[in-house]
Amino acid sequence: DAFWMQLGGNLAFALEVGGKIVGLLYWLDAEGLEREAAAA
């Protein structure tokens, strides 16, 4: 018995298996991250 619950309006989901949340899945859009500054 498993199902997903969306967390708010974001691309973040909790997976419930056997009545317990076992983890979270989320989409990370890294396009806007400042890679040059981070590399420095």
PDB file of all heavy atoms in Angstrom:
ATOM      1  N   ASP A   1       0.859  -1.182   0.000  1.00  0.00           N
ATOM      2  CA  ASP A   1       0.000   0.000   0.000  1.00  0.00           C
ATOM      3  C   ASP A   1       0.897   1.234   0.000  1.00  0.00           C
ATOM      4  O   ASP A   1       1.550   1.525   1.002  1.00  0.00           O
ATOM      5  CB  ASP A   1      -0.892  -0.030   1.243  1.00  0.00           C
ATOM      6  CG  ASP A   1      -1.868   1.135   1.289  1.00  0.00           C
ATOM      7  OD1 ASP A   1      -2.223   1.645   0.207  1.00  0.00           O
ATOM      8  OD2 ASP A   1      -2.260   1.523   2.395  1.00  0.00           O
ATOM      9  N   ALA A   2       0.983   1.929  -1.139  1.00  0.00           N
ATOM     10  CA  ALA A   2       1.859   3.093  -1.264  1.00  0.00           C
ATOM     11  C   ALA A   2       1.160   4.179  -2.066  1.00  0.00           C
ATOM     12  O   ALA A   2       0.428   3.892  -3.004  1.00  0.00           O
ATOM     13  CB  ALA A   2       3.158   2.700  -1.954  1.00  0.00           C
ATOM     14  N   PHE A   3       1.394   5.431  -1.665  1.00  0.00           N
ATOM     15  CA  PHE A   3       0.879   6.538  -2.463  1.00  0.00           C
ATOM     16  C   PHE A   3       1.695   7.799  -2.207  1.00  0.00           C
ATOM     17  O   PHE A   3       2.399   7.923  -1.214  1.00  0.00           O
ATOM     18  CB  PHE A   3      -0.614   6.774  -2.223  1.00  0.00           C
ATOM     19  CG  PHE A   3      -0.968   7.266  -0.848  1.00  0.00           C
ATOM     20  CD1 PHE A   3      -1.084   8.615  -0.585  1.00  0.00           C
ATOM     21  CD2 PHE A   3      -1.205   6.371   0.188  1.00  0.00           C
ATOM     22  CE1 PHE A   3      -1.418   9.065   0.676  1.00  0.00           C
ATOM     23  CE2 PHE A   3      -1.546   6.817   1.454  1.00  0.00           C
ATOM     24  CZ  PHE A   3      -1.647   8.167   1.697  1.00  0.00           C
ATOM     25  N   TRP A   4       1.599   8.729  -3.152  1.00  0.00           N
ATOM     26  CA  TRP A   4       2.302  10.010  -3.093  1.00  0.00           C
ATOM     27  C   TRP A   4       1.365  11.098  -2.594  1.00  0.00           C
ATOM     28  O   TRP A   4       0.194  11.099  -2.927  1.00  0.00           O
ATOM     29  CB  TRP A   4       2.794  10.408  -4.487  1.00  0.00           C
ATOM     30  CG  TRP A   4       3.925   9.602  -4.994  1.00  0.00           C
ATOM     31  CD1 TRP A   4       3.854   8.584  -5.908  1.00  0.00           C
ATOM     32  CD2 TRP A   4       5.296   9.723  -4.654  1.00  0.00           C
ATOM     33  NE1 TRP A   4       5.103   8.082  -6.146  1.00  0.00           N
ATOM     34  CE2 TRP A   4       6.014   8.769  -5.388  1.00  0.00           C
ATOM     35  CE3 TRP A   4       6.002  10.559  -3.787  1.00  0.00           C
ATOM     36  CZ2 TRP A   4       7.382   8.613  -5.298  1.00  0.00           C
ATOM     37  CZ3 TRP A   4       7.373  10.409  -3.693  1.00  0.00           C
ATOM     38  CH2 TRP A   4       8.050   9.455  -4.432  1.00  0.00           C
ATOM     39  N   MET A   5       1.914  12.044  -1.839  1.00  0.00           N
ATOM     40  CA  MET A   5       1.199  13.253  -1.425  1.00  0.00           C
ATOM     41  C   MET A   5       2.018  14.446  -1.890  1.00  0.00           C
ATOM     42  O   MET A   5       3.212  14.538  -1.561  1.00  0.00           O
ATOM     43  CB  MET A   5       1.081  13.315   0.103  1.00  0.00           C
ATOM     44  CG  MET A   5       0.273  12.207   0.709  1.00  0.00           C
ATOM     45  SD  MET A   5       0.350  12.261   2.513  1.00  0.00           S
ATOM     46  CE  MET A   5       1.966  11.531   2.771  1.00  0.00           C
ATOM     47  N   GLN A   6       1.398  15.339  -2.659  1.00  0.00           N
ATOM     48  CA  GLN A   6       2.114  16.543  -3.070  1.00  0.00           C
ATOM     49  C   GLN A   6       2.154  17.515  -1.910  1.00  0.00           C
ATOM     50  O   GLN A   6       1.168  17.701  -1.196  1.00  0.00           O
ATOM     51  CB  GLN A   6       1.446  17.201  -4.280  1.00  0.00           C
ATOM     52  CG  GLN A   6       2.265  18.352  -4.820  1.00  0.00           C
ATOM     53  CD  GLN A   6       1.797  18.848  -6.169  1.00  0.00           C
ATOM     54  OE1 GLN A   6       0.771  18.412  -6.676  1.00  0.00           O
ATOM     55  NE2 GLN A   6       2.557  19.751  -6.747  1.00  0.00           N
ATOM     56  N   LEU A   7       3.305  18.129  -1.715  1.00  0.00           N
ATOM     57  CA  LEU A   7       3.501  19.066  -0.618  1.00  0.00           C
ATOM     58  C   LEU A   7       3.337  20.482  -1.146  1.00  0.00           C
ATOM     59  O   LEU A   7       4.219  21.016  -1.809  1.00  0.00           O
ATOM     60  CB  LEU A   7       4.891  18.868   0.006  1.00  0.00           C
ATOM     61  CG  LEU A   7       5.185  17.436   0.453  1.00  0.00           C
ATOM     62  CD1 LEU A   7       6.617  17.316   0.928  1.00  0.00           C
ATOM     63  CD2 LEU A   7       4.215  17.001   1.536  1.00  0.00           C
ATOM     64  N   GLY A   8       2.197  21.082  -0.892  1.00  0.00           N
ATOM     65  CA  GLY A   8       1.919  22.428  -1.390  1.00  0.00           C
ATOM     66  C   GLY A   8       1.791  22.416  -2.904  1.00  0.00           C
ATOM     67  O   GLY A   8       1.448  21.420  -3.511  1.00  0.00           O
ATOM     68  N   GLY A   9       2.095  23.537  -3.512  1.00  0.00           N
ATOM     69  CA  GLY A   9       1.998  23.653  -4.959  1.00  0.00           C
ATOM     70  C   GLY A   9       3.322  23.428  -5.653  1.00  0.00           C
ATOM     71  O   GLY A   9       3.453  23.671  -6.842  1.00  0.00           O
ATOM     72  N   ASN A  10       4.316  22.965  -4.914  1.00  0.00           N
ATOM     73  CA  ASN A  10       5.651  22.763  -5.464  1.00  0.00           C
ATOM     74  C   ASN A  10       5.823  21.350  -6.001  1.00  0.00           C
ATOM     75  O   ASN A  10       5.009  20.475  -5.744  1.00  0.00           O
ATOM     76  CB  ASN A  10       6.697  23.012  -4.370  1.00  0.00           C
ATOM     77  CG  ASN A  10       6.588  24.408  -3.817  1.00  0.00           C
ATOM     78  OD1 ASN A  10       6.580  25.370  -4.554  1.00  0.00           O
ATOM     79  ND2 ASN A  10       6.484  24.512  -2.513  1.00  0.00           N
ATOM     80  N   LEU A  11       6.901  21.142  -6.717  1.00  0.00           N
ATOM     81  CA  LEU A  11       7.228  19.804  -7.195  1.00  0.00           C
ATOM     82  C   LEU A  11       7.980  19.065  -6.096  1.00  0.00           C
ATOM     83  O   LEU A  11       9.159  18.738  -6.208  1.00  0.00           O
ATOM     84  CB  LEU A  11       8.055  19.882  -8.478  1.00  0.00           C
ATOM     85  CG  LEU A  11       7.277  20.378  -9.694  1.00  0.00           C
ATOM     86  CD1 LEU A  11       8.203  20.578 -10.881  1.00  0.00           C
ATOM     87  CD2 LEU A  11       6.165  19.416 -10.049  1.00  0.00           C
ATOM     88  N   ALA A  12       7.271  18.841  -5.001  1.00  0.00           N
ATOM     89  CA  ALA A  12       7.797  18.108  -3.850  1.00  0.00           C
ATOM     90  C   ALA A  12       6.710  17.159  -3.379  1.00  0.00           C
ATOM     91  O   ALA A  12       5.549  17.543  -3.252  1.00  0.00           O
ATOM     92  CB  ALA A  12       8.185  19.078  -2.735  1.00  0.00           C
ATOM     93  N   PHE A  13       7.106  15.907  -3.147  1.00  0.00           N
ATOM     94  CA  PHE A  13       6.144  14.858  -2.845  1.00  0.00           C
ATOM     95  C   PHE A  13       6.660  13.986  -1.709  1.00  0.00           C
ATOM     96  O   PHE A  13       7.854  13.703  -1.636  1.00  0.00           O
ATOM     97  CB  PHE A  13       5.925  13.965  -4.074  1.00  0.00           C
ATOM     98  CG  PHE A  13       5.526  14.724  -5.306  1.00  0.00           C
ATOM     99  CD1 PHE A  13       6.481  15.272  -6.140  1.00  0.00           C
ATOM    100  CD2 PHE A  13       4.192  14.896  -5.621  1.00  0.00           C
ATOM    101  CE1 PHE A  13       6.119  15.981  -7.283  1.00  0.00           C
ATOM    102  CE2 PHE A  13       3.818  15.597  -6.755  1.00  0.00           C
ATOM    103  CZ  PHE A  13       4.781  16.144  -7.586  1.00  0.00           C
ATOM    104  N   ALA A  14       5.756  13.540  -0.847  1.00  0.00           N
ATOM    105  CA  ALA A  14       6.092  12.586   0.206  1.00  0.00           C
ATOM    106  C   ALA A  14       5.546  11.234  -0.225  1.00  0.00           C
ATOM    107  O   ALA A  14       4.415  11.137  -0.695  1.00  0.00           O
ATOM    108  CB  ALA A  14       5.471  13.008   1.531  1.00  0.00           C
ATOM    109  N   LEU A  15       6.355  10.189  -0.061  1.00  0.00           N
ATOM    110  CA  LEU A  15       5.916   8.833  -0.384  1.00  0.00           C
ATOM    111  C   LEU A  15       5.543   8.121   0.903  1.00  0.00           C
ATOM    112  O   LEU A  15       6.359   8.002   1.815  1.00  0.00           O
ATOM    113  CB  LEU A  15       7.020   8.048  -1.097  1.00  0.00           C
ATOM    114  CG  LEU A  15       6.683   6.592  -1.456  1.00  0.00           C
ATOM    115  CD1 LEU A  15       5.478   6.515  -2.391  1.00  0.00           C
ATOM    116  CD2 LEU A  15       7.895   5.908  -2.067  1.00  0.00           C
ATOM    117  N   GLU A  16       4.285   7.680   0.958  1.00  0.00           N
ATOM    118  CA  GLU A  16       3.804   6.919   2.105  1.00  0.00           C
ATOM    119  C   GLU A  16       3.701   5.458   1.701  1.00  0.00           C
ATOM    120  O   GLU A  16       3.091   5.120   0.685  1.00  0.00           O
ATOM    121  CB  GLU A  16       2.435   7.429   2.557  1.00  0.00           C
ATOM    122  CG  GLU A  16       1.918   6.723   3.786  1.00  0.00           C
ATOM    123  CD  GLU A  16       0.591   7.284   4.259  1.00  0.00           C
ATOM    124  OE1 GLU A  16       0.469   8.508   4.409  1.00  0.00           O
ATOM    125  OE2 GLU A  16      -0.328   6.463   4.462  1.00  0.00           O
ATOM    126  N   VAL A  17       4.308   4.590   2.494  1.00  0.00           N
ATOM    127  CA  VAL A  17       4.276   3.154   2.251  1.00  0.00           C
ATOM    128  C   VAL A  17       3.831   2.476   3.538  1.00  0.00           C
ATOM    129  O   VAL A  17       4.450   2.673   4.588  1.00  0.00           O
ATOM    130  CB  VAL A  17       5.655   2.615   1.821  1.00  0.00           C
ATOM    131  CG1 VAL A  17       5.597   1.108   1.620  1.00  0.00           C
ATOM    132  CG2 VAL A  17       6.139   3.299   0.555  1.00  0.00           C
ATOM    133  N   GLY A  18       2.771   1.707   3.465  1.00  0.00           N
ATOM    134  CA  GLY A  18       2.289   0.998   4.639  1.00  0.00           C
ATOM    135  C   GLY A  18       1.923   1.907   5.793  1.00  0.00           C
ATOM    136  O   GLY A  18       2.112   1.561   6.958  1.00  0.00           O
ATOM    137  N   GLY A  19       1.413   3.093   5.491  1.00  0.00           N
ATOM    138  CA  GLY A  19       0.972   4.018   6.531  1.00  0.00           C
ATOM    139  C   GLY A  19       2.061   4.904   7.111  1.00  0.00           C
ATOM    140  O   GLY A  19       1.795   5.692   8.016  1.00  0.00           O
ATOM    141  N   LYS A  20       3.293   4.831   6.579  1.00  0.00           N
ATOM    142  CA  LYS A  20       4.390   5.660   7.081  1.00  0.00           C
ATOM    143  C   LYS A  20       5.058   6.400   5.930  1.00  0.00           C
ATOM    144  O   LYS A  20       5.266   5.829   4.858  1.00  0.00           O
ATOM    145  CB  LYS A  20       5.449   4.802   7.775  1.00  0.00           C
ATOM    146  CG  LYS A  20       4.961   4.131   9.019  1.00  0.00           C
ATOM    147  CD  LYS A  20       6.074   3.330   9.650  1.00  0.00           C
ATOM    148  CE  LYS A  20       5.543   2.626  10.889  1.00  0.00           C
ATOM    149  NZ  LYS A  20       6.561   1.812  11.524  1.00  0.00           N
ATOM    150  N   ILE A  21       5.402   7.650   6.162  1.00  0.00           N
ATOM    151  CA  ILE A  21       6.163   8.400   5.164  1.00  0.00           C
ATOM    152  C   ILE A  21       7.592   7.877   5.195  1.00  0.00           C
ATOM    153  O   ILE A  21       8.231   7.852   6.243  1.00  0.00           O
ATOM    154  CB  ILE A  21       6.108   9.911   5.426  1.00  0.00           C
ATOM    155  CG1 ILE A  21       4.675  10.404   5.217  1.00  0.00           C
ATOM    156  CG2 ILE A  21       7.085  10.647   4.515  1.00  0.00           C
ATOM    157  CD1 ILE A  21       4.454  11.862   5.535  1.00  0.00           C
ATOM    158  N   VAL A  22       8.067   7.437   4.031  1.00  0.00           N
ATOM    159  CA  VAL A  22       9.406   6.855   3.952  1.00  0.00           C
ATOM    160  C   VAL A  22      10.422   7.783   3.303  1.00  0.00           C
ATOM    161  O   VAL A  22      11.625   7.552   3.401  1.00  0.00           O
ATOM    162  CB  VAL A  22       9.389   5.499   3.220  1.00  0.00           C
ATOM    163  CG1 VAL A  22       8.549   4.488   3.988  1.00  0.00           C
ATOM    164  CG2 VAL A  22       8.898   5.644   1.796  1.00  0.00           C
ATOM    165  N   GLY A  23       9.951   8.843   2.646  1.00  0.00           N
ATOM    166  CA  GLY A  23      10.889   9.762   2.025  1.00  0.00           C
ATOM    167  C   GLY A  23      10.195  10.838   1.225  1.00  0.00           C
ATOM    168  O   GLY A  23       8.970  10.860   1.104  1.00  0.00           O
ATOM    169  N   LEU A  24      11.026  11.726   0.691  1.00  0.00           N
ATOM    170  CA  LEU A  24      10.560  12.860  -0.095  1.00  0.00           C
ATOM    171  C   LEU A  24      11.242  12.869  -1.452  1.00  0.00           C
ATOM    172  O   LEU A  24      12.432  12.567  -1.560  1.00  0.00           O
ATOM    173  CB  LEU A  24      10.875  14.175   0.613  1.00  0.00           C
ATOM    174  CG  LEU A  24      10.321  14.334   2.015  1.00  0.00           C
ATOM    175  CD1 LEU A  24      10.876  15.601   2.651  1.00  0.00           C
ATOM    176  CD2 LEU A  24       8.814  14.361   2.002  1.00  0.00           C
ATOM    177  N   LEU A  25      10.481  13.220  -2.464  1.00  0.00           N
ATOM    178  CA  LEU A  25      11.006  13.400  -3.810  1.00  0.00           C
ATOM    179  C   LEU A  25      10.753  14.844  -4.195  1.00  0.00           C
ATOM    180  O   LEU A  25       9.660  15.362  -3.979  1.00  0.00           O
ATOM    181  CB  LEU A  25      10.282  12.472  -4.795  1.00  0.00           C
ATOM    182  CG  LEU A  25      10.693  12.601  -6.262  1.00  0.00           C
ATOM    183  CD1 LEU A  25      12.102  12.061  -6.477  1.00  0.00           C
ATOM    184  CD2 LEU A  25       9.700  11.878  -7.161  1.00  0.00           C
ATOM    185  N   TYR A  26      11.773  15.500  -4.740  1.00  0.00           N
ATOM    186  CA  TYR A  26      11.581  16.888  -5.160  1.00  0.00           C
ATOM    187  C   TYR A  26      12.364  17.156  -6.428  1.00  0.00           C
ATOM    188  O   TYR A  26      13.350  16.491  -6.734  1.00  0.00           O
ATOM    189  CB  TYR A  26      11.991  17.872  -4.058  1.00  0.00           C
ATOM    190  CG  TYR A  26      13.443  17.792  -3.655  1.00  0.00           C
ATOM    191  CD1 TYR A  26      14.400  18.610  -4.247  1.00  0.00           C
ATOM    192  CD2 TYR A  26      13.868  16.900  -2.670  1.00  0.00           C
ATOM    193  CE1 TYR A  26      15.732  18.540  -3.878  1.00  0.00           C
ATOM    194  CE2 TYR A  26      15.186  16.823  -2.293  1.00  0.00           C
ATOM    195  CZ  TYR A  26      16.122  17.649  -2.900  1.00  0.00           C
ATOM    196  OH  TYR A  26      17.455  17.563  -2.543  1.00  0.00           O
ATOM    197  N   TRP A  27      11.876  18.154  -7.182  1.00  0.00           N
ATOM    198  CA  TRP A  27      12.541  18.606  -8.397  1.00  0.00           C
ATOM    199  C   TRP A  27      13.381  19.818  -8.035  1.00  0.00           C
ATOM    200  O   TRP A  27      12.893  20.774  -7.430  1.00  0.00           O
ATOM    201  CB  TRP A  27      11.532  18.980  -9.471  1.00  0.00           C
ATOM    202  CG  TRP A  27      12.168  19.657 -10.645  1.00  0.00           C
ATOM    203  CD1 TRP A  27      12.157  20.985 -10.927  1.00  0.00           C
ATOM    204  CD2 TRP A  27      12.951  19.030 -11.660  1.00  0.00           C
ATOM    205  NE1 TRP A  27      12.881  21.226 -12.070  1.00  0.00           N
ATOM    206  CE2 TRP A  27      13.379  20.043 -12.536  1.00  0.00           C
ATOM    207  CE3 TRP A  27      13.340  17.716 -11.918  1.00  0.00           C
ATOM    208  CZ2 TRP A  27      14.164  19.773 -13.656  1.00  0.00           C
ATOM    209  CZ3 TRP A  27      14.115  17.454 -13.032  1.00  0.00           C
ATOM    210  CH2 TRP A  27      14.510  18.474 -13.887  1.00  0.00           C
ATOM    211  N   LEU A  28      14.653  19.777  -8.398  1.00  0.00           N
ATOM    212  CA  LEU A  28      15.548  20.910  -8.176  1.00  0.00           C
ATOM    213  C   LEU A  28      15.890  21.517  -9.527  1.00  0.00           C
ATOM    214  O   LEU A  28      16.451  20.836 -10.392  1.00  0.00           O
ATOM    215  CB  LEU A  28      16.835  20.465  -7.471  1.00  0.00           C
ATOM    216  CG  LEU A  28      17.898  21.554  -7.335  1.00  0.00           C
ATOM    217  CD1 LEU A  28      17.431  22.637  -6.364  1.00  0.00           C
ATOM    218  CD2 LEU A  28      19.210  20.966  -6.893  1.00  0.00           C
ATOM    219  N   ASP A  29      15.529  22.776  -9.714  1.00  0.00           N
ATOM    220  CA  ASP A  29      15.879  23.495 -10.933  1.00  0.00           C
ATOM    221  C   ASP A  29      17.119  24.317 -10.615  1.00  0.00           C
ATOM    222  O   ASP A  29      17.033  25.359  -9.979  1.00  0.00           O
ATOM    223  CB  ASP A  29      14.727  24.393 -11.376  1.00  0.00           C
ATOM    224  CG  ASP A  29      14.991  25.086 -12.689  1.00  0.00           C
ATOM    225  OD1 ASP A  29      16.098  24.911 -13.259  1.00  0.00           O
ATOM    226  OD2 ASP A  29      14.105  25.804 -13.164  1.00  0.00           O
ATOM    227  N   ALA A  30      18.266  23.834 -11.037  1.00  0.00           N
ATOM    228  CA  ALA A  30      19.541  24.464 -10.693  1.00  0.00           C
ATOM    229  C   ALA A  30      19.988  25.504 -11.715  1.00  0.00           C
ATOM    230  O   ALA A  30      21.078  26.052 -11.590  1.00  0.00           O
ATOM    231  CB  ALA A  30      20.615  23.390 -10.540  1.00  0.00           C
ATOM    232  N   GLU A  31      19.147  25.791 -12.693  1.00  0.00           N
ATOM    233  CA  GLU A  31      19.537  26.725 -13.746  1.00  0.00           C
ATOM    234  C   GLU A  31      19.881  28.116 -13.218  1.00  0.00           C
ATOM    235  O   GLU A  31      20.764  28.775 -13.724  1.00  0.00           O
ATOM    236  CB  GLU A  31      18.442  26.824 -14.804  1.00  0.00           C
ATOM    237  CG  GLU A  31      18.195  25.535 -15.550  1.00  0.00           C
ATOM    238  CD  GLU A  31      19.438  24.981 -16.224  1.00  0.00           C
ATOM    239  OE1 GLU A  31      20.166  25.740 -16.878  1.00  0.00           O
ATOM    240  OE2 GLU A  31      19.686  23.769 -16.078  1.00  0.00           O
ATOM    241  N   GLY A  32      19.180  28.579 -12.201  1.00  0.00           N
ATOM    242  CA  GLY A  32      19.407  29.927 -11.694  1.00  0.00           C
ATOM    243  C   GLY A  32      20.513  30.033 -10.653  1.00  0.00           C
ATOM    244  O   GLY A  32      20.815  31.129 -10.185  1.00  0.00           O
ATOM    245  N   LEU A  33      21.125  28.915 -10.297  1.00  0.00           N
ATOM    246  CA  LEU A  33      22.174  28.955  -9.279  1.00  0.00           C
ATOM    247  C   LEU A  33      23.448  29.565  -9.850  1.00  0.00           C
ATOM    248  O   LEU A  33      23.793  29.354 -11.008  1.00  0.00           O
ATOM    249  CB  LEU A  33      22.452  27.546  -8.749  1.00  0.00           C
ATOM    250  CG  LEU A  33      21.257  26.850  -8.100  1.00  0.00           C
ATOM    251  CD1 LEU A  33      21.652  25.443  -7.683  1.00  0.00           C
ATOM    252  CD2 LEU A  33      20.742  27.625  -6.909  1.00  0.00           C
ATOM    253  N   GLU A  34      24.135  30.299  -9.053  1.00  0.00           N
ATOM    254  CA  GLU A  34      25.348  30.993  -9.498  1.00  0.00           C
ATOM    255  C   GLU A  34      26.537  30.048  -9.443  1.00  0.00           C
ATOM    256  O   GLU A  34      27.272  29.990  -8.466  1.00  0.00           O
ATOM    257  CB  GLU A  34      25.564  32.233  -8.642  1.00  0.00           C
ATOM    258  CG  GLU A  34      24.440  33.243  -8.781  1.00  0.00           C
ATOM    259  CD  GLU A  34      24.660  34.483  -7.944  1.00  0.00           C
ATOM    260  OE1 GLU A  34      25.798  34.732  -7.514  1.00  0.00           O
ATOM    261  OE2 GLU A  34      23.674  35.191  -7.725  1.00  0.00           O
ATOM    262  N   ARG A  35      26.763  29.337 -10.533  1.00  0.00           N
ATOM    263  CA  ARG A  35      27.799  28.315 -10.592  1.00  0.00           C
ATOM    264  C   ARG A  35      29.204  28.899 -10.512  1.00  0.00           C
ATOM    265  O   ARG A  35      30.069  28.318  -9.876  1.00  0.00           O
ATOM    266  CB  ARG A  35      27.644  27.475 -11.848  1.00  0.00           C
ATOM    267  CG  ARG A  35      26.348  26.679 -11.813  1.00  0.00           C
ATOM    268  CD  ARG A  35      26.336  25.538 -12.802  1.00  0.00           C
ATOM    269  NE  ARG A  35      25.099  24.803 -12.660  1.00  0.00           N
ATOM    270  CZ  ARG A  35      24.885  23.862 -11.765  1.00  0.00           C
ATOM    271  NH1 ARG A  35      25.831  23.530 -10.927  1.00  0.00           N
ATOM    272  NH2 ARG A  35      23.728  23.240 -11.686  1.00  0.00           N
ATOM    273  N   GLU A  36      29.442  30.019 -11.157  1.00  0.00           N
ATOM    274  CA  GLU A  36      30.781  30.606 -11.141  1.00  0.00           C
ATOM    275  C   GLU A  36      31.176  31.035  -9.732  1.00  0.00           C
ATOM    276  O   GLU A  36      32.292  30.785  -9.289  1.00  0.00           O
ATOM    277  CB  GLU A  36      30.864  31.785 -12.113  1.00  0.00           C
ATOM    278  CG  GLU A  36      30.762  31.361 -13.565  1.00  0.00           C
ATOM    279  CD  GLU A  36      30.767  32.548 -14.511  1.00  0.00           C
ATOM    280  OE1 GLU A  36      31.218  33.636 -14.119  1.00  0.00           O
ATOM    281  OE2 GLU A  36      30.325  32.355 -15.654  1.00  0.00           O
ATOM    282  N   ALA A  37      30.263  31.660  -9.024  1.00  0.00           N
ATOM    283  CA  ALA A  37      30.554  32.097  -7.661  1.00  0.00           C
ATOM    284  C   ALA A  37      30.773  30.891  -6.751  1.00  0.00           C
ATOM    285  O   ALA A  37      31.673  30.888  -5.907  1.00  0.00           O
ATOM    286  CB  ALA A  37      29.416  32.961  -7.121  1.00  0.00           C
ATOM    287  N   ALA A  38      29.977  29.862  -6.933  1.00  0.00           N
ATOM    288  CA  ALA A  38      30.115  28.662  -6.115  1.00  0.00           C
ATOM    289  C   ALA A  38      31.440  27.964  -6.400  1.00  0.00           C
ATOM    290  O   ALA A  38      32.118  27.495  -5.480  1.00  0.00           O
ATOM    291  CB  ALA A  38      28.953  27.712  -6.366  1.00  0.00           C
ATOM    292  N   ALA A  39      31.825  27.905  -7.673  1.00  0.00           N
ATOM    293  CA  ALA A  39      33.093  27.270  -8.038  1.00  0.00           C
ATOM    294  C   ALA A  39      34.263  28.028  -7.426  1.00  0.00           C
ATOM    295  O   ALA A  39      35.234  27.426  -6.967  1.00  0.00           O
ATOM    296  CB  ALA A  39      33.229  27.197  -9.551  1.00  0.00           C
ATOM    297  N   ALA A  40      34.179  29.358  -7.416  1.00  0.00           N
ATOM    298  CA  ALA A  40      35.243  30.165  -6.818  1.00  0.00           C
ATOM    299  C   ALA A  40      35.372  29.894  -5.321  1.00  0.00           C
ATOM    300  O   ALA A  40      36.456  29.986  -4.757  1.00  0.00           O
ATOM    301  CB  ALA A  40      34.983  31.648  -7.068  1.00  0.00           C
TER     302      ALA A  40
END
